[in-house]
Protein backbone atom coordinates (compact mmCIF):
# COMPACT_ATOMS: atom_id res chain seq x y z
CA MET A 1 27.25 87.66 134.23
CA PHE A 2 27.91 88.60 130.62
CA THR A 3 26.61 85.39 129.04
CA ASP A 4 23.32 83.58 129.58
CA PRO A 5 23.98 79.84 129.98
CA GLU A 6 20.39 78.78 129.28
CA SER A 7 20.18 80.85 126.09
CA ASN A 8 23.61 79.66 124.92
CA ILE A 9 22.74 76.03 125.61
CA GLU A 10 19.54 76.50 123.62
CA SER A 11 21.60 77.93 120.74
CA PHE A 12 23.97 74.96 121.01
CA GLY A 13 21.09 72.48 120.81
CA LEU A 14 21.28 69.87 123.56
CA GLU A 15 18.70 67.08 123.57
CA PRO A 16 17.29 64.85 126.31
CA GLY A 17 19.50 61.86 127.04
CA MET A 18 22.79 63.46 126.00
CA LYS A 19 26.00 63.15 128.01
CA VAL A 20 27.88 66.44 128.38
CA ALA A 21 31.25 67.27 129.96
CA ASP A 22 31.59 70.79 131.33
CA MET A 23 35.38 71.10 131.38
CA GLY A 24 36.51 73.80 133.77
CA ALA A 25 33.00 74.03 135.18
CA GLY A 26 33.85 76.97 137.46
CA SER A 27 30.73 78.15 139.28
CA GLY A 28 28.59 75.55 137.50
CA PHE A 29 26.19 77.86 135.68
CA TYR A 30 26.52 75.83 132.46
CA SER A 31 26.44 72.45 134.24
CA ILE A 32 23.19 73.28 136.01
CA ALA A 33 21.54 74.80 132.92
CA ALA A 34 22.62 71.80 130.82
CA SER A 35 21.22 69.37 133.40
CA LYS A 36 17.76 70.72 132.63
CA ALA A 37 18.29 70.45 128.87
CA VAL A 38 19.42 66.81 128.91
CA GLY A 39 16.75 65.77 131.39
CA GLU A 40 16.62 62.80 133.72
CA THR A 41 17.95 60.42 131.05
CA GLY A 42 21.00 62.63 130.38
CA LYS A 43 24.19 63.13 132.34
CA ILE A 44 26.38 66.14 133.04
CA TYR A 45 29.98 65.81 134.15
CA ALA A 46 31.06 68.97 135.99
CA ILE A 47 34.86 68.81 135.79
CA GLU A 48 36.86 71.23 137.88
CA VAL A 49 40.35 71.37 139.44
CA GLN A 50 39.21 73.50 142.40
CA LYS A 51 37.45 71.35 145.00
CA GLU A 52 35.67 74.31 146.58
CA LEU A 53 34.03 75.15 143.24
CA LEU A 54 32.83 71.56 142.87
CA ALA A 55 31.27 71.82 146.34
CA LYS A 56 29.55 75.06 145.31
CA ILE A 57 28.17 73.46 142.13
CA LYS A 58 26.85 70.51 144.15
CA ASN A 59 25.16 72.81 146.68
CA ASP A 60 23.57 74.89 143.92
CA ALA A 61 22.48 71.77 142.01
CA ASP A 62 20.97 70.23 145.15
CA ARG A 63 19.05 73.46 145.80
CA VAL A 64 17.40 73.34 142.33
CA GLY A 65 16.95 69.56 142.24
CA ALA A 66 19.52 68.82 139.51
CA THR A 67 20.27 65.15 140.19
CA ASN A 68 21.94 64.18 136.91
CA ILE A 69 25.32 65.84 137.54
CA ASP A 70 28.51 63.96 138.40
CA TYR A 71 31.25 66.03 140.06
CA ILE A 72 34.78 65.25 138.94
CA TRP A 73 37.88 66.75 140.51
CA ALA A 74 40.37 66.58 137.66
CA ASP A 75 43.05 68.28 135.59
CA ILE A 76 41.61 69.01 132.15
CA GLU A 77 45.02 69.95 130.74
CA ILE A 78 46.42 66.42 130.50
CA LEU A 79 45.39 63.45 128.39
CA ASN A 80 43.08 61.20 130.42
CA GLY A 81 42.98 63.89 133.10
CA CYS A 82 39.17 63.99 133.09
CA ARG A 83 38.98 60.30 133.92
CA ILE A 84 36.07 59.99 131.48
CA ALA A 85 36.08 57.16 128.96
CA THR A 86 37.30 57.85 125.44
CA ARG A 87 34.50 58.70 122.94
CA SER A 88 31.85 58.66 125.68
CA VAL A 89 30.23 62.12 125.66
CA ASP A 90 28.03 63.80 123.08
CA ALA A 91 29.28 67.28 123.84
CA VAL A 92 31.86 69.31 125.73
CA PHE A 93 31.53 72.83 127.09
CA LEU A 94 34.64 74.95 127.43
CA THR A 95 33.25 78.26 128.67
CA ASN A 96 35.52 81.06 129.88
CA THR A 97 38.20 78.43 130.42
CA LEU A 98 40.62 78.34 127.49
CA PHE A 99 42.22 81.67 128.41
CA GLN A 100 42.89 80.34 131.93
CA VAL A 101 44.55 77.00 131.23
CA GLU A 102 48.29 76.78 130.81
CA ASP A 103 48.28 73.87 128.33
CA LYS A 104 45.62 74.97 125.88
CA MET A 105 46.33 72.26 123.31
CA GLY A 106 46.42 69.61 126.04
CA THR A 107 42.94 70.74 127.09
CA LEU A 108 41.63 70.64 123.52
CA HIS A 109 43.15 67.18 122.93
CA GLU A 110 41.48 65.92 126.12
CA ALA A 111 38.14 67.32 124.91
CA PHE A 112 38.63 65.63 121.53
CA ARG A 113 39.44 62.33 123.25
CA ILE A 114 36.23 62.17 125.29
CA ILE A 115 33.81 63.33 122.57
CA LYS A 116 32.05 60.67 120.49
CA PRO A 117 32.45 60.77 116.71
CA LYS A 118 30.05 63.42 115.34
CA GLY A 119 29.95 65.00 118.82
CA ARG A 120 30.42 68.73 119.36
CA ILE A 121 32.29 71.22 121.47
CA LEU A 122 30.97 74.61 122.54
CA LEU A 123 33.79 77.05 123.18
CA ILE A 124 32.85 80.42 124.67
CA ASP A 125 35.56 82.87 125.63
CA TRP A 126 36.37 86.55 126.01
CA GLU A 127 36.73 88.72 122.89
CA ASP A 128 39.06 91.17 124.58
CA SER A 129 40.15 92.63 127.89
CA PHE A 130 37.81 95.35 129.06
CA GLY A 131 39.39 97.59 131.67
CA GLY A 132 39.45 95.14 134.55
CA MET A 133 36.71 92.81 133.27
CA GLY A 134 37.79 89.43 131.98
CA PRO A 135 41.33 88.27 131.43
CA GLN A 136 44.46 90.35 131.11
CA GLN A 137 45.03 91.44 127.51
CA SER A 138 47.96 89.02 127.20
CA ALA A 139 45.70 86.07 128.13
CA VAL A 140 42.92 86.76 125.60
CA ILE A 141 42.55 84.06 122.94
CA THR A 142 40.99 85.60 119.83
CA LYS A 143 38.16 83.83 118.05
CA GLU A 144 40.42 83.22 115.05
CA LYS A 145 43.17 81.75 117.22
CA ALA A 146 40.68 79.56 119.14
CA LYS A 147 39.22 78.26 115.86
CA SER A 148 42.70 77.48 114.57
CA MET A 149 43.61 75.66 117.78
CA LEU A 150 40.39 73.62 117.70
CA GLU A 151 41.10 72.66 114.08
CA GLU A 152 44.65 71.67 115.03
CA ALA A 153 43.17 69.42 117.74
CA GLY A 154 41.04 67.69 115.07
CA PHE A 155 37.72 69.51 115.21
CA ILE A 156 35.79 70.82 112.16
CA PHE A 157 34.07 74.20 112.20
CA ASP A 158 30.27 74.02 112.44
CA ARG A 159 29.06 77.51 113.27
CA GLU A 160 29.36 80.47 115.60
CA PHE A 161 26.87 82.66 117.43
CA ASN A 162 26.82 85.67 119.71
CA PRO A 163 26.76 84.34 123.29
CA GLY A 164 26.53 87.72 124.99
CA GLU A 165 28.46 90.84 125.75
CA HIS A 166 32.27 90.72 125.35
CA HIS A 167 32.33 87.04 124.27
CA TYR A 168 32.38 84.83 121.18
CA ALA A 169 31.05 81.30 120.75
CA LEU A 170 32.34 78.59 118.42
CA ILE A 171 30.69 75.25 117.80
CA MET A 172 32.98 72.63 116.32
CA LYS A 173 32.36 68.98 115.45
CA LYS A 174 34.42 65.86 115.82
CA PRO A 175 34.60 63.96 112.51
């Protein structure tokens, strides 16, 4: 793993009681790490289109006692695809996901829809293609392009940080 979910979540700044949507949750590393950060009063929504990955996340979460995760089988690329209420989450994670989705703007609009006003999105993605690691060169979304797309979706730049080898991280806010 090239990024450290716990360290990146600490840099992002989650607090107990927050509601967080992990869109394109994949293997669930961020969902499980975030479940600790938001505590028993918080809620994590692990959203994934692949049912087998949701089952893996649930098994891993059960093994570590993470009981505050809801598992949602959904398409994050369409408006209302997450089946989460509008303006209902404090934060969204989009980690190593944007380069994979076909409708990138649809995904960003769905994230914007579910985030509360003043809420934030953490976008982590690959800086480049590295000889077989990460996405194909043609699929890489540069940091500048990702920032522009997030702004087009309505987000305002907050800050960036180094999330680990071969990646960039952007934190954007919803007005």
